[in-house]
Structure formats: structure tokens, C-alpha cells
N, C-alpha and C. Protein backbone atom coordinates (compact mmCIF):
# COMPACT_ATOMS: atom_id res chain seq x y z
N MET A 1 165.74 176.38 120.86
CA MET A 1 167.07 175.95 120.45
C MET A 1 168.03 175.96 121.62
N LYS A 2 167.92 176.99 122.47
CA LYS A 2 168.80 177.08 123.61
C LYS A 2 168.56 175.93 124.59
N SER A 3 167.31 175.51 124.74
CA SER A 3 167.01 174.41 125.66
C SER A 3 167.64 173.10 125.19
N ASP A 4 167.77 172.89 123.86
CA ASP A 4 168.44 171.70 123.35
C ASP A 4 169.91 171.70 123.76
N PHE A 5 170.53 172.86 123.68
CA PHE A 5 171.94 172.96 124.06
C PHE A 5 172.11 172.68 125.55
N LEU A 6 171.21 173.23 126.37
CA LEU A 6 171.31 173.01 127.81
C LEU A 6 171.10 171.56 128.16
N ALA A 7 170.19 170.89 127.48
CA ALA A 7 169.95 169.47 127.73
C ALA A 7 171.18 168.64 127.38
N ARG A 8 171.89 169.04 126.35
CA ARG A 8 173.07 168.28 125.93
C ARG A 8 174.30 168.62 126.75
N ASN A 9 174.20 169.62 127.58
CA ASN A 9 175.33 169.97 128.43
C ASN A 9 175.12 169.45 129.85
N HIS A 10 174.12 168.64 130.06
CA HIS A 10 173.81 168.07 131.38
C HIS A 10 174.68 166.82 131.59
N PRO A 11 175.14 166.58 132.82
CA PRO A 11 175.96 165.38 133.07
C PRO A 11 175.27 164.07 132.69
N ALA A 12 173.95 164.01 132.85
CA ALA A 12 173.24 162.77 132.49
C ALA A 12 173.31 162.52 130.98
N TYR A 13 173.33 163.59 130.19
CA TYR A 13 173.46 163.41 128.74
C TYR A 13 174.83 162.83 128.41
N TRP A 14 175.87 163.32 129.07
CA TRP A 14 177.21 162.81 128.80
C TRP A 14 177.35 161.36 129.26
N ALA A 15 176.68 161.01 130.36
CA ALA A 15 176.68 159.62 130.81
C ALA A 15 175.97 158.73 129.78
N PHE A 16 174.83 159.21 129.28
CA PHE A 16 174.10 158.49 128.23
C PHE A 16 174.99 158.29 127.00
N LEU A 17 175.67 159.37 126.60
CA LEU A 17 176.52 159.31 125.40
C LEU A 17 177.69 158.35 125.60
N ALA A 18 178.31 158.38 126.79
CA ALA A 18 179.43 157.47 127.06
C ALA A 18 178.96 156.02 127.03
N HIS A 19 177.77 155.75 127.55
CA HIS A 19 177.24 154.38 127.54
C HIS A 19 176.99 153.91 126.11
N ARG A 20 176.38 154.76 125.30
CA ARG A 20 176.08 154.37 123.92
C ARG A 20 177.36 154.19 123.09
N VAL A 21 178.27 155.14 123.19
CA VAL A 21 179.51 155.07 122.40
C VAL A 21 180.34 153.86 122.83
N SER A 22 180.44 153.62 124.14
CA SER A 22 181.21 152.46 124.59
C SER A 22 180.58 151.16 124.09
N GLY A 23 179.25 151.10 124.05
CA GLY A 23 178.58 149.90 123.54
C GLY A 23 178.87 149.66 122.07
N VAL A 24 178.84 150.74 121.29
CA VAL A 24 179.12 150.61 119.85
C VAL A 24 180.57 150.19 119.63
N LEU A 25 181.50 150.81 120.35
CA LEU A 25 182.91 150.45 120.17
C LEU A 25 183.19 149.03 120.63
N LEU A 26 182.54 148.60 121.70
CA LEU A 26 182.72 147.21 122.14
C LEU A 26 182.17 146.23 121.11
N SER A 27 181.07 146.59 120.47
CA SER A 27 180.51 145.69 119.45
C SER A 27 181.43 145.63 118.23
N LEU A 28 182.14 146.72 117.95
CA LEU A 28 183.10 146.69 116.84
C LEU A 28 184.33 145.83 117.17
N PHE A 29 184.62 145.69 118.47
CA PHE A 29 185.74 144.87 118.91
C PHE A 29 185.44 143.37 118.80
N LEU A 30 184.18 143.00 118.89
CA LEU A 30 183.82 141.58 118.93
C LEU A 30 184.36 140.75 117.76
N PRO A 31 184.29 141.21 116.51
CA PRO A 31 184.86 140.38 115.43
C PRO A 31 186.35 140.09 115.62
N LEU A 32 187.11 141.08 116.11
CA LEU A 32 188.53 140.84 116.37
C LEU A 32 188.71 139.82 117.48
N HIS A 33 187.87 139.88 118.48
CA HIS A 33 187.93 138.92 119.58
C HIS A 33 187.64 137.51 119.08
N PHE A 34 186.61 137.37 118.26
CA PHE A 34 186.29 136.05 117.71
C PHE A 34 187.38 135.55 116.78
N TRP A 35 188.01 136.45 116.05
CA TRP A 35 189.13 136.06 115.19
C TRP A 35 190.28 135.52 116.03
N ALA A 36 190.58 136.19 117.15
CA ALA A 36 191.66 135.74 118.03
C ALA A 36 191.33 134.38 118.63
N LEU A 37 190.08 134.17 119.01
CA LEU A 37 189.69 132.86 119.52
C LEU A 37 189.81 131.79 118.44
N GLY A 38 189.51 132.17 117.20
CA GLY A 38 189.65 131.25 116.09
C GLY A 38 191.10 130.83 115.86
N ARG A 39 192.01 131.76 116.13
CA ARG A 39 193.44 131.42 116.00
C ARG A 39 193.81 130.31 116.98
N ALA A 40 193.23 130.35 118.17
CA ALA A 40 193.51 129.31 119.17
C ALA A 40 192.99 127.96 118.70
N LEU A 41 191.87 127.96 117.98
CA LEU A 41 191.31 126.71 117.49
C LEU A 41 192.11 126.13 116.34
N GLN A 42 192.87 126.97 115.64
CA GLN A 42 193.66 126.50 114.51
C GLN A 42 194.94 125.80 114.94
N GLY A 43 195.31 125.95 116.17
CA GLY A 43 196.50 125.26 116.65
C GLY A 43 197.38 126.16 117.48
N GLU A 44 198.35 125.54 118.09
CA GLU A 44 199.24 126.25 119.00
C GLU A 44 200.09 127.29 118.28
N ALA A 45 200.55 127.00 117.08
CA ALA A 45 201.42 127.93 116.36
C ALA A 45 200.68 129.23 116.03
N GLY A 46 199.44 129.11 115.59
CA GLY A 46 198.67 130.31 115.27
C GLY A 46 198.40 131.16 116.49
N LEU A 47 198.11 130.52 117.61
CA LEU A 47 197.87 131.27 118.84
C LEU A 47 199.16 131.91 119.34
N ASP A 48 200.26 131.19 119.27
CA ASP A 48 201.54 131.76 119.70
C ASP A 48 201.92 132.98 118.88
N ALA A 49 201.68 132.92 117.57
CA ALA A 49 201.97 134.07 116.71
C ALA A 49 201.10 135.26 117.09
N PHE A 50 199.84 135.00 117.38
CA PHE A 50 198.96 136.09 117.78
C PHE A 50 199.39 136.68 119.12
N LEU A 51 199.76 135.83 120.06
CA LEU A 51 200.19 136.32 121.37
C LEU A 51 201.48 137.14 121.28
N ARG A 52 202.40 136.75 120.40
CA ARG A 52 203.61 137.56 120.18
C ARG A 52 203.25 138.92 119.60
N TRP A 53 202.32 138.92 118.65
CA TRP A 53 201.88 140.19 118.05
C TRP A 53 201.23 141.08 119.10
N SER A 54 200.53 140.48 120.05
CA SER A 54 199.80 141.27 121.05
C SER A 54 200.71 141.92 122.08
N GLU A 55 201.99 141.67 122.05
CA GLU A 55 202.92 142.29 122.98
C GLU A 55 203.36 143.69 122.53
N GLN A 56 202.93 144.15 121.38
CA GLN A 56 203.31 145.47 120.88
C GLN A 56 202.69 146.57 121.76
N PRO A 57 203.40 147.69 121.91
CA PRO A 57 202.88 148.78 122.76
C PRO A 57 201.52 149.31 122.30
N LEU A 58 201.30 149.40 121.00
CA LEU A 58 200.01 149.91 120.52
C LEU A 58 198.87 148.96 120.90
N VAL A 59 199.14 147.68 120.87
CA VAL A 59 198.13 146.70 121.26
C VAL A 59 197.87 146.80 122.76
N LYS A 60 198.92 147.01 123.55
CA LYS A 60 198.75 147.18 124.99
C LYS A 60 197.91 148.43 125.28
N PHE A 61 198.13 149.49 124.54
CA PHE A 61 197.32 150.70 124.70
C PHE A 61 195.86 150.41 124.34
N ALA A 62 195.66 149.65 123.27
CA ALA A 62 194.30 149.29 122.86
C ALA A 62 193.62 148.42 123.93
N GLU A 63 194.38 147.55 124.57
CA GLU A 63 193.81 146.74 125.66
C GLU A 63 193.36 147.64 126.81
N THR A 64 194.15 148.65 127.12
CA THR A 64 193.77 149.60 128.17
C THR A 64 192.50 150.34 127.78
N ALA A 65 192.42 150.77 126.53
CA ALA A 65 191.21 151.45 126.05
C ALA A 65 190.00 150.52 126.13
N LEU A 66 190.22 149.25 125.84
CA LEU A 66 189.14 148.26 125.93
C LEU A 66 188.64 148.12 127.37
N VAL A 67 189.56 148.08 128.32
CA VAL A 67 189.16 147.99 129.73
C VAL A 67 188.37 149.23 130.15
N VAL A 68 188.79 150.40 129.69
CA VAL A 68 188.06 151.64 130.00
C VAL A 68 186.67 151.59 129.38
N LEU A 69 186.58 151.12 128.14
CA LEU A 69 185.27 151.00 127.50
C LEU A 69 184.36 150.03 128.25
N LEU A 70 184.92 148.89 128.66
CA LEU A 70 184.13 147.92 129.43
C LEU A 70 183.65 148.53 130.76
N ALA A 71 184.54 149.24 131.44
CA ALA A 71 184.17 149.85 132.71
C ALA A 71 183.12 150.94 132.50
N ALA A 72 183.26 151.72 131.44
CA ALA A 72 182.28 152.78 131.16
C ALA A 72 180.92 152.18 130.82
N HIS A 73 180.93 151.12 130.04
CA HIS A 73 179.66 150.50 129.66
C HIS A 73 179.01 149.84 130.88
N PHE A 74 179.81 149.21 131.72
CA PHE A 74 179.30 148.60 132.94
C PHE A 74 178.71 149.66 133.87
N ALA A 75 179.45 150.75 134.07
CA ALA A 75 178.96 151.82 134.95
C ALA A 75 177.69 152.45 134.38
N GLY A 76 177.64 152.62 133.06
CA GLY A 76 176.44 153.17 132.43
C GLY A 76 175.25 152.24 132.58
N GLY A 77 175.50 150.95 132.49
CA GLY A 77 174.42 149.99 132.67
C GLY A 77 173.89 149.99 134.10
N LEU A 78 174.80 150.09 135.06
CA LEU A 78 174.36 150.19 136.45
C LEU A 78 173.56 151.47 136.69
N ARG A 79 173.98 152.55 136.04
CA ARG A 79 173.25 153.82 136.16
C ARG A 79 171.84 153.67 135.61
N LEU A 80 171.71 153.00 134.47
CA LEU A 80 170.39 152.79 133.90
C LEU A 80 169.51 151.91 134.79
N LEU A 81 170.10 150.90 135.38
CA LEU A 81 169.34 150.07 136.32
C LEU A 81 168.86 150.89 137.52
N ALA A 82 169.73 151.77 138.01
CA ALA A 82 169.34 152.62 139.13
C ALA A 82 168.20 153.55 138.72
N LEU A 83 168.26 154.07 137.50
CA LEU A 83 167.19 154.96 137.03
C LEU A 83 165.87 154.20 136.90
N GLU A 84 165.95 152.95 136.50
CA GLU A 84 164.74 152.15 136.33
C GLU A 84 164.09 151.77 137.65
N PHE A 85 164.92 151.41 138.62
CA PHE A 85 164.37 150.80 139.83
C PHE A 85 164.40 151.68 141.06
N LEU A 86 165.08 152.81 141.03
CA LEU A 86 165.16 153.69 142.19
C LEU A 86 164.53 155.03 141.87
N ALA A 87 164.00 155.66 142.89
CA ALA A 87 163.48 157.02 142.71
C ALA A 87 164.66 157.98 142.58
N TRP A 88 164.53 158.97 141.70
CA TRP A 88 165.63 159.91 141.46
C TRP A 88 165.77 160.85 142.65
N ARG A 89 166.97 161.02 143.11
CA ARG A 89 167.28 161.93 144.19
C ARG A 89 168.46 162.80 143.78
N ASP A 90 168.64 163.91 144.43
CA ASP A 90 169.74 164.81 144.10
C ASP A 90 171.10 164.16 144.30
N TRP A 91 171.22 163.28 145.30
CA TRP A 91 172.51 162.66 145.56
C TRP A 91 172.95 161.73 144.43
N GLN A 92 172.01 161.32 143.57
CA GLN A 92 172.37 160.43 142.48
C GLN A 92 173.19 161.14 141.41
N LYS A 93 173.14 162.47 141.40
CA LYS A 93 174.01 163.20 140.48
C LYS A 93 175.47 162.91 140.78
N GLY A 94 175.77 162.75 142.04
CA GLY A 94 177.14 162.41 142.42
C GLY A 94 177.57 161.04 141.94
N LEU A 95 176.59 160.16 141.73
CA LEU A 95 176.93 158.83 141.21
C LEU A 95 177.50 158.90 139.80
N LEU A 96 177.11 159.91 139.04
CA LEU A 96 177.69 160.08 137.70
C LEU A 96 179.19 160.31 137.80
N ALA A 97 179.57 161.19 138.71
CA ALA A 97 181.00 161.47 138.90
C ALA A 97 181.72 160.24 139.45
N LEU A 98 181.08 159.54 140.36
CA LEU A 98 181.67 158.33 140.91
C LEU A 98 181.87 157.27 139.83
N ALA A 99 180.88 157.10 138.96
CA ALA A 99 181.00 156.13 137.87
C ALA A 99 182.14 156.50 136.93
N ALA A 100 182.27 157.79 136.63
CA ALA A 100 183.37 158.23 135.77
C ALA A 100 184.71 157.98 136.45
N GLY A 101 184.80 158.23 137.74
CA GLY A 101 186.04 157.98 138.47
C GLY A 101 186.39 156.51 138.52
N VAL A 102 185.41 155.66 138.73
CA VAL A 102 185.66 154.21 138.76
C VAL A 102 186.11 153.73 137.38
N THR A 103 185.50 154.28 136.35
CA THR A 103 185.87 153.91 134.98
C THR A 103 187.33 154.24 134.71
N LEU A 104 187.72 155.46 134.99
CA LEU A 104 189.10 155.87 134.75
C LEU A 104 190.06 155.13 135.69
N GLY A 105 189.63 154.88 136.92
CA GLY A 105 190.46 154.13 137.85
C GLY A 105 190.72 152.71 137.37
N ALA A 106 189.70 152.06 136.82
CA ALA A 106 189.87 150.70 136.29
C ALA A 106 190.88 150.70 135.14
N GLY A 107 190.78 151.70 134.27
CA GLY A 107 191.74 151.80 133.18
C GLY A 107 193.16 152.04 133.67
N LEU A 108 193.30 152.91 134.68
CA LEU A 108 194.63 153.20 135.23
C LEU A 108 195.22 151.99 135.92
N LEU A 109 194.41 151.28 136.70
CA LEU A 109 194.91 150.06 137.36
C LEU A 109 195.35 149.03 136.34
N PHE A 110 194.58 148.87 135.27
CA PHE A 110 194.96 147.93 134.22
C PHE A 110 196.25 148.37 133.56
N LEU A 111 196.36 149.66 133.26
CA LEU A 111 197.57 150.18 132.61
C LEU A 111 198.80 149.98 133.49
N LEU A 112 198.67 150.23 134.78
CA LEU A 112 199.81 150.04 135.69
C LEU A 112 200.20 148.58 135.81
N ASN A 113 199.25 147.68 135.70
CA ASN A 113 199.53 146.26 135.79
C ASN A 113 200.14 145.72 134.50
N VAL A 114 199.79 146.33 133.36
CA VAL A 114 200.28 145.86 132.06
C VAL A 114 201.76 146.14 131.89
N THR A 115 202.20 147.31 132.32
CA THR A 115 203.59 147.71 132.06
C THR A 115 204.57 147.08 133.00
């Protein structure tokens, strides 16, 4: 039982979990994205109404969360590719921290540009 806890407290487990959770949350976002694209197909008035609605602060926060999710999923995918095609070395543990930093940095840059 103790070994299960130790395995779940490893940085690679948290990277795995972030990749899976970000993928699920991004898939839940897709219907809203397709709905927004559908508004554009219905005409200019529908798209303009949607774009006005998207200027709300809560929507801007959600956009920032979306960028962080995309960056986390991208970084997790790159990590998986590295695990598949490269031999594991101790220095690769640092890549987990680097991926997390890049993920948060992408979200911060997006947030600073939005406001």
C-alpha cells in the first residue's frame, strides 16, 4: 500500500495526470468551440453577439485557462514522445519542471496580453 502512495507522489505521475486531465477538459471544450463556429456560419449578427459576450472578464479568465490547458497537454505530449523515442536519463527529470514552467509561462503571457 505504501508503494502505491510513493508512486503517486512521483513527478512523472503528476505529469501523467496533468496530461490526462488537460486532454479531458480540452475535449469538453470542443462542443462550445464548434457552437461558436456555428454562430459565424449563421451570419454576421450572430457572430457579433457572441464576440460581445466573449469580452466578459469570466470568459477572458476561461480563455487563459484554455491556453494553460493547451500548453500542458502539448508539453505532456512532448514528454510522452521523449519517453517513447529517447533513453531515460536522470536529466530528463528536470524536463518535467521545465514543461511545467513553460505551461505556466504561456498562460501568464496570454493573460498579460489579454488585459
